Structures are given as structure tokens and as C-alpha cells.
Amino acid sequence: RILAYQLTQTYGREQILEWYLNTAWYGRNAYGVHAAAQ
């Protein structure tokens, strides 16, 4: 929670969303929105 607060204050919510969606797991070893869309 300390790191989450620091990340949000340092990089902002838009960057948090960008990082999150580029690392999210969508099944079948597809990590990130590009891999899942493909």
C-alpha cells in the first residue's frame, strides 16, 4: 500500500492504467492487451 500510494502520486493514474493493461493476464500466457487482442 505504501508503494501503491507512491506510484500513484509519482506517475499519475493514466500511467498506472497503461502499465496495468500492458501486464494484465488474459489467459493462455497472454500478458498485456496487445497479446490478448492478437
ModelCIF file with pLDDT and N, C-alpha, C, O atoms, coordinates in Angstrom:
data_MODEL
#
_entry.id   MODEL 
#
_entity.id                         1 
_entity.type                       polymer 
_entity.pdbx_number_of_molecules   1 
#
_entity_poly.entity_id                      1 
_entity_poly.type                           'polypeptide(L)' 
_entity_poly.nstd_linkage                   no 
_entity_poly.nstd_monomer                   no 
_entity_poly.pdbx_seq_one_letter_code       RILAYQLTQTYGREQILEWYLNTAWYGRNAYGVHAAAQ 
_entity_poly.pdbx_seq_one_letter_code_can   RILAYQLTQTYGREQILEWYLNTAWYGRNAYGVHAAAQ 
_entity_poly.pdbx_strand_id                 A 
#
loop_
_entity_poly_seq.entity_id 
_entity_poly_seq.num 
_entity_poly_seq.mon_id 
_entity_poly_seq.hetero 
1 1  ARG n 
1 2  ILE n 
1 3  LEU n 
1 4  ALA n 
1 5  TYR n 
1 6  GLN n 
1 7  LEU n 
1 8  THR n 
1 9  GLN n 
1 10 THR n 
1 11 TYR n 
1 12 GLY n 
1 13 ARG n 
1 14 GLU n 
1 15 GLN n 
1 16 ILE n 
1 17 LEU n 
1 18 GLU n 
1 19 TRP n 
1 20 TYR n 
1 21 LEU n 
1 22 ASN n 
1 23 THR n 
1 24 ALA n 
1 25 TRP n 
1 26 TYR n 
1 27 GLY n 
1 28 ARG n 
1 29 ASN n 
1 30 ALA n 
1 31 TYR n 
1 32 GLY n 
1 33 VAL n 
1 34 HIS n 
1 35 ALA n 
1 36 ALA n 
1 37 ALA n 
1 38 GLN n 
#
_struct_asym.id          A 
_struct_asym.entity_id   1 
#
loop_
_ma_qa_metric.id 
_ma_qa_metric.mode 
_ma_qa_metric.name 
_ma_qa_metric.software_group_id 
_ma_qa_metric.type 
1 global pLDDT . pLDDT 
2 local  pLDDT . pLDDT 
#
_ma_qa_metric_global.metric_id      1 
_ma_qa_metric_global.metric_value   97.26 
_ma_qa_metric_global.model_id       1 
_ma_qa_metric_global.ordinal_id     1 
#
loop_
_ma_qa_metric_local.label_asym_id 
_ma_qa_metric_local.label_comp_id 
_ma_qa_metric_local.label_seq_id 
_ma_qa_metric_local.metric_id 
_ma_qa_metric_local.metric_value 
_ma_qa_metric_local.model_id 
_ma_qa_metric_local.ordinal_id 
A ARG 1  2 97.00 1 1  
A ILE 2  2 97.00 1 2  
A LEU 3  2 97.00 1 3  
A ALA 4  2 98.00 1 4  
A TYR 5  2 97.00 1 5  
A GLN 6  2 97.00 1 6  
A LEU 7  2 97.00 1 7  
A THR 8  2 98.00 1 8  
A GLN 9  2 97.00 1 9  
A THR 10 2 97.00 1 10 
A TYR 11 2 97.00 1 11 
A GLY 12 2 97.00 1 12 
A ARG 13 2 98.00 1 13 
A GLU 14 2 98.00 1 14 
A GLN 15 2 98.00 1 15 
A ILE 16 2 98.00 1 16 
A LEU 17 2 98.00 1 17 
A GLU 18 2 98.00 1 18 
A TRP 19 2 98.00 1 19 
A TYR 20 2 98.00 1 20 
A LEU 21 2 98.00 1 21 
A ASN 22 2 98.00 1 22 
A THR 23 2 97.00 1 23 
A ALA 24 2 97.00 1 24 
A TRP 25 2 97.00 1 25 
A TYR 26 2 97.00 1 26 
A GLY 27 2 96.00 1 27 
A ARG 28 2 95.00 1 28 
A ASN 29 2 95.00 1 29 
A ALA 30 2 97.00 1 30 
A TYR 31 2 97.00 1 31 
A GLY 32 2 97.00 1 32 
A VAL 33 2 98.00 1 33 
A HIS 34 2 98.00 1 34 
A ALA 35 2 97.00 1 35 
A ALA 36 2 97.00 1 36 
A ALA 37 2 98.00 1 37 
A GLN 38 2 97.00 1 38 
#
loop_
_atom_site.group_PDB 
_atom_site.id 
_atom_site.type_symbol 
_atom_site.label_atom_id 
_atom_site.label_alt_id 
_atom_site.label_comp_id 
_atom_site.label_asym_id 
_atom_site.label_entity_id 
_atom_site.label_seq_id 
_atom_site.pdbx_PDB_ins_code 
_atom_site.Cartn_x 
_atom_site.Cartn_y 
_atom_site.Cartn_z 
_atom_site.occupancy 
_atom_site.B_iso_or_equiv 
_atom_site.pdbx_formal_charge 
_atom_site.auth_seq_id 
_atom_site.auth_comp_id 
_atom_site.auth_asym_id 
_atom_site.auth_atom_id 
_atom_site.pdbx_PDB_model_num 
ATOM 1   N N  . ARG A 1 1  ? 0.816  -1.210  0.000   1.00 97.00 ? 1  ARG A N  1 
ATOM 2   C CA . ARG A 1 1  ? 0.000  0.000   0.000   1.00 97.00 ? 1  ARG A CA 1 
ATOM 3   C C  . ARG A 1 1  ? 0.853  1.264   0.000   1.00 97.00 ? 1  ARG A C  1 
ATOM 4   O O  . ARG A 1 1  ? 0.473  2.268   -0.603  1.00 97.00 ? 1  ARG A O  1 
ATOM 5   N N  . ILE A 1 2  ? 1.985  1.222   0.663   1.00 97.00 ? 2  ILE A N  1 
ATOM 6   C CA . ILE A 1 2  ? 2.904  2.365   0.609   1.00 97.00 ? 2  ILE A CA 1 
ATOM 7   C C  . ILE A 1 2  ? 3.380  2.588   -0.820  1.00 97.00 ? 2  ILE A C  1 
ATOM 8   O O  . ILE A 1 2  ? 3.379  3.716   -1.314  1.00 97.00 ? 2  ILE A O  1 
ATOM 9   N N  . LEU A 1 3  ? 3.786  1.510   -1.479  1.00 97.00 ? 3  LEU A N  1 
ATOM 10  C CA . LEU A 1 3  ? 4.254  1.622   -2.862  1.00 97.00 ? 3  LEU A CA 1 
ATOM 11  C C  . LEU A 1 3  ? 3.134  2.066   -3.797  1.00 97.00 ? 3  LEU A C  1 
ATOM 12  O O  . LEU A 1 3  ? 3.362  2.856   -4.713  1.00 97.00 ? 3  LEU A O  1 
ATOM 13  N N  . ALA A 1 4  ? 1.928  1.560   -3.567  1.00 98.00 ? 4  ALA A N  1 
ATOM 14  C CA . ALA A 1 4  ? 0.805  1.952   -4.421  1.00 98.00 ? 4  ALA A CA 1 
ATOM 15  C C  . ALA A 1 4  ? 0.532  3.446   -4.309  1.00 98.00 ? 4  ALA A C  1 
ATOM 16  O O  . ALA A 1 4  ? 0.259  4.110   -5.309  1.00 98.00 ? 4  ALA A O  1 
ATOM 17  N N  . TYR A 1 5  ? 0.605  3.965   -3.103  1.00 97.00 ? 5  TYR A N  1 
ATOM 18  C CA . TYR A 1 5  ? 0.411  5.409   -2.908  1.00 97.00 ? 5  TYR A CA 1 
ATOM 19  C C  . TYR A 1 5  ? 1.518  6.194   -3.611  1.00 97.00 ? 5  TYR A C  1 
ATOM 20  O O  . TYR A 1 5  ? 1.247  7.181   -4.295  1.00 97.00 ? 5  TYR A O  1 
ATOM 21  N N  . GLN A 1 6  ? 2.763  5.750   -3.440  1.00 97.00 ? 6  GLN A N  1 
ATOM 22  C CA . GLN A 1 6  ? 3.886  6.451   -4.058  1.00 97.00 ? 6  GLN A CA 1 
ATOM 23  C C  . GLN A 1 6  ? 3.804  6.400   -5.585  1.00 97.00 ? 6  GLN A C  1 
ATOM 24  O O  . GLN A 1 6  ? 4.081  7.392   -6.259  1.00 97.00 ? 6  GLN A O  1 
ATOM 25  N N  . LEU A 1 7  ? 3.424  5.244   -6.124  1.00 97.00 ? 7  LEU A N  1 
ATOM 26  C CA . LEU A 1 7  ? 3.297  5.114   -7.578  1.00 97.00 ? 7  LEU A CA 1 
ATOM 27  C C  . LEU A 1 7  ? 2.235  6.067   -8.126  1.00 97.00 ? 7  LEU A C  1 
ATOM 28  O O  . LEU A 1 7  ? 2.446  6.733   -9.140  1.00 97.00 ? 7  LEU A O  1 
ATOM 29  N N  . THR A 1 8  ? 1.107  6.121   -7.449  1.00 98.00 ? 8  THR A N  1 
ATOM 30  C CA . THR A 1 8  ? 0.013  6.981   -7.917  1.00 98.00 ? 8  THR A CA 1 
ATOM 31  C C  . THR A 1 8  ? 0.404  8.452   -7.841  1.00 98.00 ? 8  THR A C  1 
ATOM 32  O O  . THR A 1 8  ? 0.119  9.221   -8.759  1.00 98.00 ? 8  THR A O  1 
ATOM 33  N N  . GLN A 1 9  ? 1.058  8.846   -6.747  1.00 97.00 ? 9  GLN A N  1 
ATOM 34  C CA . GLN A 1 9  ? 1.452  10.248  -6.596  1.00 97.00 ? 9  GLN A CA 1 
ATOM 35  C C  . GLN A 1 9  ? 2.569  10.627  -7.561  1.00 97.00 ? 9  GLN A C  1 
ATOM 36  O O  . GLN A 1 9  ? 2.631  11.767  -8.022  1.00 97.00 ? 9  GLN A O  1 
ATOM 37  N N  . THR A 1 10 ? 3.441  9.688   -7.867  1.00 97.00 ? 10 THR A N  1 
ATOM 38  C CA . THR A 1 10 ? 4.600  9.992   -8.706  1.00 97.00 ? 10 THR A CA 1 
ATOM 39  C C  . THR A 1 10 ? 4.257  9.972   -10.192 1.00 97.00 ? 10 THR A C  1 
ATOM 40  O O  . THR A 1 10 ? 4.676  10.857  -10.938 1.00 97.00 ? 10 THR A O  1 
ATOM 41  N N  . TYR A 1 11 ? 3.500  8.970   -10.624 1.00 97.00 ? 11 TYR A N  1 
ATOM 42  C CA . TYR A 1 11 ? 3.282  8.769   -12.059 1.00 97.00 ? 11 TYR A CA 1 
ATOM 43  C C  . TYR A 1 11 ? 1.871  9.109   -12.541 1.00 97.00 ? 11 TYR A C  1 
ATOM 44  O O  . TYR A 1 11 ? 1.668  9.308   -13.739 1.00 97.00 ? 11 TYR A O  1 
ATOM 45  N N  . GLY A 1 12 ? 0.912  9.180   -11.651 1.00 97.00 ? 12 GLY A N  1 
ATOM 46  C CA . GLY A 1 12 ? -0.441 9.526   -12.059 1.00 97.00 ? 12 GLY A CA 1 
ATOM 47  C C  . GLY A 1 12 ? -1.265 8.322   -12.479 1.00 97.00 ? 12 GLY A C  1 
ATOM 48  O O  . GLY A 1 12 ? -0.726 7.249   -12.750 1.00 97.00 ? 12 GLY A O  1 
ATOM 49  N N  . ARG A 1 13 ? -2.566 8.510   -12.530 1.00 98.00 ? 13 ARG A N  1 
ATOM 50  C CA . ARG A 1 13 ? -3.491 7.410   -12.778 1.00 98.00 ? 13 ARG A CA 1 
ATOM 51  C C  . ARG A 1 13 ? -3.423 6.916   -14.220 1.00 98.00 ? 13 ARG A C  1 
ATOM 52  O O  . ARG A 1 13 ? -3.572 5.719   -14.466 1.00 98.00 ? 13 ARG A O  1 
ATOM 53  N N  . GLU A 1 14 ? -3.203 7.805   -15.164 1.00 98.00 ? 14 GLU A N  1 
ATOM 54  C CA . GLU A 1 14 ? -3.137 7.381   -16.554 1.00 98.00 ? 14 GLU A CA 1 
ATOM 55  C C  . GLU A 1 14 ? -1.975 6.422   -16.780 1.00 98.00 ? 14 GLU A C  1 
ATOM 56  O O  . GLU A 1 14 ? -2.117 5.430   -17.494 1.00 98.00 ? 14 GLU A O  1 
ATOM 57  N N  . GLN A 1 15 ? -0.825 6.714   -16.175 1.00 98.00 ? 15 GLN A N  1 
ATOM 58  C CA . GLN A 1 15 ? 0.330  5.830   -16.313 1.00 98.00 ? 15 GLN A CA 1 
ATOM 59  C C  . GLN A 1 15 ? 0.085  4.501   -15.613 1.00 98.00 ? 15 GLN A C  1 
ATOM 60  O O  . GLN A 1 15 ? 0.483  3.448   -16.113 1.00 98.00 ? 15 GLN A O  1 
ATOM 61  N N  . ILE A 1 16 ? -0.568 4.548   -14.459 1.00 98.00 ? 16 ILE A N  1 
ATOM 62  C CA . ILE A 1 16 ? -0.915 3.317   -13.750 1.00 98.00 ? 16 ILE A CA 1 
ATOM 63  C C  . ILE A 1 16 ? -1.771 2.421   -14.647 1.00 98.00 ? 16 ILE A C  1 
ATOM 64  O O  . ILE A 1 16 ? -1.515 1.222   -14.750 1.00 98.00 ? 16 ILE A O  1 
ATOM 65  N N  . LEU A 1 17 ? -2.774 2.993   -15.288 1.00 98.00 ? 17 LEU A N  1 
ATOM 66  C CA . LEU A 1 17 ? -3.636 2.223   -16.189 1.00 98.00 ? 17 LEU A CA 1 
ATOM 67  C C  . LEU A 1 17 ? -2.846 1.655   -17.365 1.00 98.00 ? 17 LEU A C  1 
ATOM 68  O O  . LEU A 1 17 ? -3.039 0.499   -17.743 1.00 98.00 ? 17 LEU A O  1 
ATOM 69  N N  . GLU A 1 18 ? -1.968 2.456   -17.937 1.00 98.00 ? 18 GLU A N  1 
ATOM 70  C CA . GLU A 1 18 ? -1.177 1.990   -19.075 1.00 98.00 ? 18 GLU A CA 1 
ATOM 71  C C  . GLU A 1 18 ? -0.312 0.806   -18.680 1.00 98.00 ? 18 GLU A C  1 
ATOM 72  O O  . GLU A 1 18 ? -0.285 -0.204  -19.383 1.00 98.00 ? 18 GLU A O  1 
ATOM 73  N N  . TRP A 1 19 ? 0.394  0.918   -17.565 1.00 98.00 ? 19 TRP A N  1 
ATOM 74  C CA . TRP A 1 19 ? 1.229  -0.193  -17.104 1.00 98.00 ? 19 TRP A CA 1 
ATOM 75  C C  . TRP A 1 19 ? 0.373  -1.422  -16.781 1.00 98.00 ? 19 TRP A C  1 
ATOM 76  O O  . TRP A 1 19 ? 0.727  -2.548  -17.132 1.00 98.00 ? 19 TRP A O  1 
ATOM 77  N N  . TYR A 1 20 ? -0.739 -1.190  -16.118 1.00 98.00 ? 20 TYR A N  1 
ATOM 78  C CA . TYR A 1 20 ? -1.576 -2.312  -15.703 1.00 98.00 ? 20 TYR A CA 1 
ATOM 79  C C  . TYR A 1 20 ? -2.079 -3.099  -16.905 1.00 98.00 ? 20 TYR A C  1 
ATOM 80  O O  . TYR A 1 20 ? -2.020 -4.328  -16.912 1.00 98.00 ? 20 TYR A O  1 
ATOM 81  N N  . LEU A 1 21 ? -2.573 -2.398  -17.919 1.00 98.00 ? 21 LEU A N  1 
ATOM 82  C CA . LEU A 1 21 ? -3.148 -3.079  -19.081 1.00 98.00 ? 21 LEU A CA 1 
ATOM 83  C C  . LEU A 1 21 ? -2.077 -3.696  -19.979 1.00 98.00 ? 21 LEU A C  1 
ATOM 84  O O  . LEU A 1 21 ? -2.398 -4.535  -20.821 1.00 98.00 ? 21 LEU A O  1 
ATOM 85  N N  . ASN A 1 22 ? -0.832 -3.306  -19.820 1.00 98.00 ? 22 ASN A N  1 
ATOM 86  C CA . ASN A 1 22 ? 0.250  -3.923  -20.577 1.00 98.00 ? 22 ASN A CA 1 
ATOM 87  C C  . ASN A 1 22 ? 0.862  -5.111  -19.847 1.00 98.00 ? 22 ASN A C  1 
ATOM 88  O O  . ASN A 1 22 ? 1.746  -5.779  -20.384 1.00 98.00 ? 22 ASN A O  1 
ATOM 89  N N  . THR A 1 23 ? 0.399  -5.383  -18.623 1.00 97.00 ? 23 THR A N  1 
ATOM 90  C CA . THR A 1 23 ? 0.904  -6.539  -17.873 1.00 97.00 ? 23 THR A CA 1 
ATOM 91  C C  . THR A 1 23 ? -0.205 -7.475  -17.419 1.00 97.00 ? 23 THR A C  1 
ATOM 92  O O  . THR A 1 23 ? 0.080  -8.531  -16.855 1.00 97.00 ? 23 THR A O  1 
ATOM 93  N N  . ALA A 1 24 ? -1.462 -7.113  -17.650 1.00 97.00 ? 24 ALA A N  1 
ATOM 94  C CA . ALA A 1 24 ? -2.579 -7.935  -17.187 1.00 97.00 ? 24 ALA A CA 1 
ATOM 95  C C  . ALA A 1 24 ? -2.570 -9.296  -17.879 1.00 97.00 ? 24 ALA A C  1 
ATOM 96  O O  . ALA A 1 24 ? -2.197 -9.408  -19.047 1.00 97.00 ? 24 ALA A O  1 
ATOM 97  N N  . TRP A 1 25 ? -2.980 -10.311 -17.156 1.00 97.00 ? 25 TRP A N  1 
ATOM 98  C CA . TRP A 1 25 ? -3.026 -11.676 -17.689 1.00 97.00 ? 25 TRP A CA 1 
ATOM 99  C C  . TRP A 1 25 ? -4.436 -11.953 -18.194 1.00 97.00 ? 25 TRP A C  1 
ATOM 100 O O  . TRP A 1 25 ? -5.415 -11.772 -17.469 1.00 97.00 ? 25 TRP A O  1 
ATOM 101 N N  . TYR A 1 26 ? -4.527 -12.399 -19.457 1.00 97.00 ? 26 TYR A N  1 
ATOM 102 C CA . TYR A 1 26 ? -5.808 -12.661 -20.082 1.00 97.00 ? 26 TYR A CA 1 
ATOM 103 C C  . TYR A 1 26 ? -5.988 -14.137 -20.434 1.00 97.00 ? 26 TYR A C  1 
ATOM 104 O O  . TYR A 1 26 ? -6.819 -14.474 -21.277 1.00 97.00 ? 26 TYR A O  1 
ATOM 105 N N  . GLY A 1 27 ? -5.228 -15.007 -19.803 1.00 96.00 ? 27 GLY A N  1 
ATOM 106 C CA . GLY A 1 27 ? -5.340 -16.436 -20.072 1.00 96.00 ? 27 GLY A CA 1 
ATOM 107 C C  . GLY A 1 27 ? -4.392 -16.887 -21.167 1.00 96.00 ? 27 GLY A C  1 
ATOM 108 O O  . GLY A 1 27 ? -3.954 -16.085 -21.992 1.00 96.00 ? 27 GLY A O  1 
ATOM 109 N N  . ARG A 1 28 ? -4.074 -18.195 -21.170 1.00 95.00 ? 28 ARG A N  1 
ATOM 110 C CA . ARG A 1 28 ? -3.229 -18.807 -22.208 1.00 95.00 ? 28 ARG A CA 1 
ATOM 111 C C  . ARG A 1 28 ? -1.900 -18.072 -22.405 1.00 95.00 ? 28 ARG A C  1 
ATOM 112 O O  . ARG A 1 28 ? -1.450 -17.888 -23.536 1.00 95.00 ? 28 ARG A O  1 
ATOM 113 N N  . ASN A 1 29 ? -1.284 -17.658 -21.315 1.00 95.00 ? 29 ASN A N  1 
ATOM 114 C CA . ASN A 1 29 ? 0.014  -16.981 -21.357 1.00 95.00 ? 29 ASN A CA 1 
ATOM 115 C C  . ASN A 1 29 ? -0.012 -15.691 -22.172 1.00 95.00 ? 29 ASN A C  1 
ATOM 116 O O  . ASN A 1 29 ? 1.023  -15.252 -22.673 1.00 95.00 ? 29 ASN A O  1 
ATOM 117 N N  . ALA A 1 30 ? -1.181 -15.089 -22.305 1.00 97.00 ? 30 ALA A N  1 
ATOM 118 C CA . ALA A 1 30 ? -1.291 -13.796 -22.990 1.00 97.00 ? 30 ALA A CA 1 
ATOM 119 C C  . ALA A 1 30 ? -1.244 -12.693 -21.940 1.00 97.00 ? 30 ALA A C  1 
ATOM 120 O O  . ALA A 1 30 ? -2.214 -12.468 -21.217 1.00 97.00 ? 30 ALA A O  1 
ATOM 121 N N  . TYR A 1 31 ? -0.111 -12.012 -21.863 1.00 97.00 ? 31 TYR A N  1 
ATOM 122 C CA . TYR A 1 31 ? 0.075  -10.916 -20.915 1.00 97.00 ? 31 TYR A CA 1 
ATOM 123 C C  . TYR A 1 31 ? 0.098  -9.601  -21.690 1.00 97.00 ? 31 TYR A C  1 
ATOM 124 O O  . TYR A 1 31 ? 0.899  -9.417  -22.607 1.00 97.00 ? 31 TYR A O  1 
ATOM 125 N N  . GLY A 1 32 ? -0.781 -8.707  -21.310 1.00 97.00 ? 32 GLY A N  1 
ATOM 126 C CA . GLY A 1 32 ? -0.862 -7.426  -21.988 1.00 97.00 ? 32 GLY A CA 1 
ATOM 127 C C  . GLY A 1 32 ? -1.969 -7.417  -23.024 1.00 97.00 ? 32 GLY A C  1 
ATOM 128 O O  . GLY A 1 32 ? -2.308 -8.446  -23.608 1.00 97.00 ? 32 GLY A O  1 
ATOM 129 N N  . VAL A 1 33 ? -2.530 -6.227  -23.242 1.00 98.00 ? 33 VAL A N  1 
ATOM 130 C CA . VAL A 1 33 ? -3.693 -6.102  -24.119 1.00 98.00 ? 33 VAL A CA 1 
ATOM 131 C C  . VAL A 1 33 ? -3.347 -6.442  -25.564 1.00 98.00 ? 33 VAL A C  1 
ATOM 132 O O  . VAL A 1 33 ? -4.196 -6.968  -26.284 1.00 98.00 ? 33 VAL A O  1 
ATOM 133 N N  . HIS A 1 34 ? -2.131 -6.161  -26.006 1.00 98.00 ? 34 HIS A N  1 
ATOM 134 C CA . HIS A 1 34 ? -1.772 -6.470  -27.388 1.00 98.00 ? 34 HIS A CA 1 
ATOM 135 C C  . HIS A 1 34 ? -1.745 -7.978  -27.620 1.00 98.00 ? 34 HIS A C  1 
ATOM 136 O O  . HIS A 1 34 ? -2.291 -8.467  -28.609 1.00 98.00 ? 34 HIS A O  1 
ATOM 137 N N  . ALA A 1 35 ? -1.115 -8.710  -26.712 1.00 97.00 ? 35 ALA A N  1 
ATOM 138 C CA . ALA A 1 35 ? -1.063 -10.168 -26.854 1.00 97.00 ? 35 ALA A CA 1 
ATOM 139 C C  . ALA A 1 35 ? -2.457 -10.772 -26.830 1.00 97.00 ? 35 ALA A C  1 
ATOM 140 O O  . ALA A 1 35 ? -2.747 -11.699 -27.587 1.00 97.00 ? 35 ALA A O  1 
ATOM 141 N N  . ALA A 1 36 ? -3.327 -10.250 -25.961 1.00 97.00 ? 36 ALA A N  1 
ATOM 142 C CA . ALA A 1 36 ? -4.683 -10.778 -25.870 1.00 97.00 ? 36 ALA A CA 1 
ATOM 143 C C  . ALA A 1 36 ? -5.485 -10.468 -27.124 1.00 97.00 ? 36 ALA A C  1 
ATOM 144 O O  . ALA A 1 36 ? -6.211 -11.329 -27.621 1.00 97.00 ? 36 ALA A O  1 
ATOM 145 N N  . ALA A 1 37 ? -5.364 -9.239  -27.648 1.00 98.00 ? 37 ALA A N  1 
ATOM 146 C CA . ALA A 1 37 ? -6.096 -8.869  -28.865 1.00 98.00 ? 37 ALA A CA 1 
ATOM 147 C C  . ALA A 1 37 ? -5.657 -9.732  -30.043 1.00 98.00 ? 37 ALA A C  1 
ATOM 148 O O  . ALA A 1 37 ? -6.480 -10.129 -30.869 1.00 98.00 ? 37 ALA A O  1 
ATOM 149 N N  . GLN A 1 38 ? -4.365 -10.021 -30.118 1.00 97.00 ? 38 GLN A N  1 
ATOM 150 C CA . GLN A 1 38 ? -3.861 -10.871 -31.192 1.00 97.00 ? 38 GLN A CA 1 
ATOM 151 C C  . GLN A 1 38 ? -4.327 -12.311 -31.023 1.00 97.00 ? 38 GLN A C  1 
ATOM 152 O O  . GLN A 1 38 ? -3.993 -13.167 -31.842 1.00 97.00 ? 38 GLN A O  1 
#
